[in-house]
Amino acid sequence: MWTVITTDLFNEWLEQQDEITQEKVLAALVVLQ
């Protein structure tokens, strides 16, 4: 299993997104694992 490491810039960007976009991005990160 892979460990997904995000940057501070990515985390800041993600926090600015609406809830639906956040859920989609997080779901895609789970697939990467």
N, C-alpha and C. Protein backbone atom coordinates (compact mmCIF):
# COMPACT_ATOMS: atom_id res chain seq x y z
N MET A 1 0.85 -1.18 0.00
CA MET A 1 0.00 0.00 0.00
C MET A 1 0.89 1.25 0.00
N TRP A 2 0.47 2.24 -0.72
CA TRP A 2 1.21 3.50 -0.83
C TRP A 2 0.75 4.47 0.25
N THR A 3 1.61 5.35 0.62
CA THR A 3 1.26 6.44 1.52
C THR A 3 1.22 7.72 0.69
N VAL A 4 0.09 8.39 0.74
CA VAL A 4 -0.06 9.65 0.01
C VAL A 4 0.41 10.78 0.92
N ILE A 5 1.37 11.55 0.44
CA ILE A 5 1.90 12.69 1.18
C ILE A 5 1.51 13.95 0.43
N THR A 6 0.87 14.87 1.13
CA THR A 6 0.45 16.12 0.49
C THR A 6 1.31 17.27 1.01
N THR A 7 1.35 18.33 0.23
CA THR A 7 2.11 19.52 0.61
C THR A 7 1.19 20.51 1.33
N ASP A 8 1.79 21.46 2.01
CA ASP A 8 1.01 22.50 2.66
C ASP A 8 0.19 23.28 1.63
N LEU A 9 0.78 23.53 0.46
CA LEU A 9 0.07 24.26 -0.59
C LEU A 9 -1.17 23.49 -1.04
N PHE A 10 -1.02 22.18 -1.22
CA PHE A 10 -2.17 21.35 -1.61
C PHE A 10 -3.24 21.40 -0.53
N ASN A 11 -2.84 21.26 0.72
CA ASN A 11 -3.80 21.27 1.83
C ASN A 11 -4.55 22.60 1.91
N GLU A 12 -3.84 23.70 1.71
CA GLU A 12 -4.48 25.02 1.71
C GLU A 12 -5.47 25.12 0.55
N TRP A 13 -5.08 24.64 -0.62
CA TRP A 13 -5.96 24.66 -1.78
C TRP A 13 -7.21 23.83 -1.51
N LEU A 14 -7.01 22.64 -0.95
CA LEU A 14 -8.14 21.74 -0.68
C LEU A 14 -9.13 22.37 0.29
N GLU A 15 -8.62 23.05 1.30
CA GLU A 15 -9.50 23.70 2.28
C GLU A 15 -10.36 24.79 1.64
N GLN A 16 -9.90 25.37 0.55
CA GLN A 16 -10.64 26.45 -0.12
C GLN A 16 -11.73 25.92 -1.04
N GLN A 17 -11.73 24.62 -1.30
CA GLN A 17 -12.70 24.04 -2.22
C GLN A 17 -14.01 23.76 -1.50
N ASP A 18 -15.09 23.66 -2.30
CA ASP A 18 -16.37 23.32 -1.68
C ASP A 18 -16.36 21.85 -1.24
N GLU A 19 -17.35 21.49 -0.45
CA GLU A 19 -17.38 20.15 0.15
C GLU A 19 -17.42 19.04 -0.89
N ILE A 20 -18.16 19.24 -1.96
CA ILE A 20 -18.27 18.21 -3.01
C ILE A 20 -16.91 17.98 -3.67
N THR A 21 -16.22 19.05 -3.99
CA THR A 21 -14.89 18.93 -4.60
C THR A 21 -13.92 18.26 -3.64
N GLN A 22 -13.97 18.64 -2.38
CA GLN A 22 -13.10 18.01 -1.38
C GLN A 22 -13.33 16.51 -1.33
N GLU A 23 -14.59 16.09 -1.33
CA GLU A 23 -14.91 14.67 -1.28
C GLU A 23 -14.37 13.94 -2.51
N LYS A 24 -14.50 14.56 -3.67
CA LYS A 24 -14.01 13.93 -4.90
C LYS A 24 -12.50 13.78 -4.89
N VAL A 25 -11.81 14.83 -4.45
CA VAL A 25 -10.35 14.79 -4.40
C VAL A 25 -9.88 13.74 -3.39
N LEU A 26 -10.50 13.72 -2.22
CA LEU A 26 -10.11 12.75 -1.20
C LEU A 26 -10.40 11.32 -1.66
N ALA A 27 -11.50 11.13 -2.38
CA ALA A 27 -11.81 9.80 -2.91
C ALA A 27 -10.74 9.37 -3.91
N ALA A 28 -10.27 10.29 -4.72
CA ALA A 28 -9.22 9.98 -5.69
C ALA A 28 -7.92 9.63 -4.98
N LEU A 29 -7.63 10.31 -3.88
CA LEU A 29 -6.41 10.00 -3.12
C LEU A 29 -6.49 8.60 -2.51
N VAL A 30 -7.67 8.19 -2.10
CA VAL A 30 -7.84 6.83 -1.55
C VAL A 30 -7.55 5.80 -2.63
N VAL A 31 -7.98 6.08 -3.86
CA VAL A 31 -7.71 5.16 -4.97
C VAL A 31 -6.20 5.03 -5.20
N LEU A 32 -5.47 6.13 -5.03
CA LEU A 32 -4.02 6.09 -5.22
C LEU A 32 -3.33 5.21 -4.19
N GLN A 33 -3.92 5.11 -3.01
CA GLN A 33 -3.31 4.28 -1.97
C GLN A 33 -3.44 2.84 -2.37
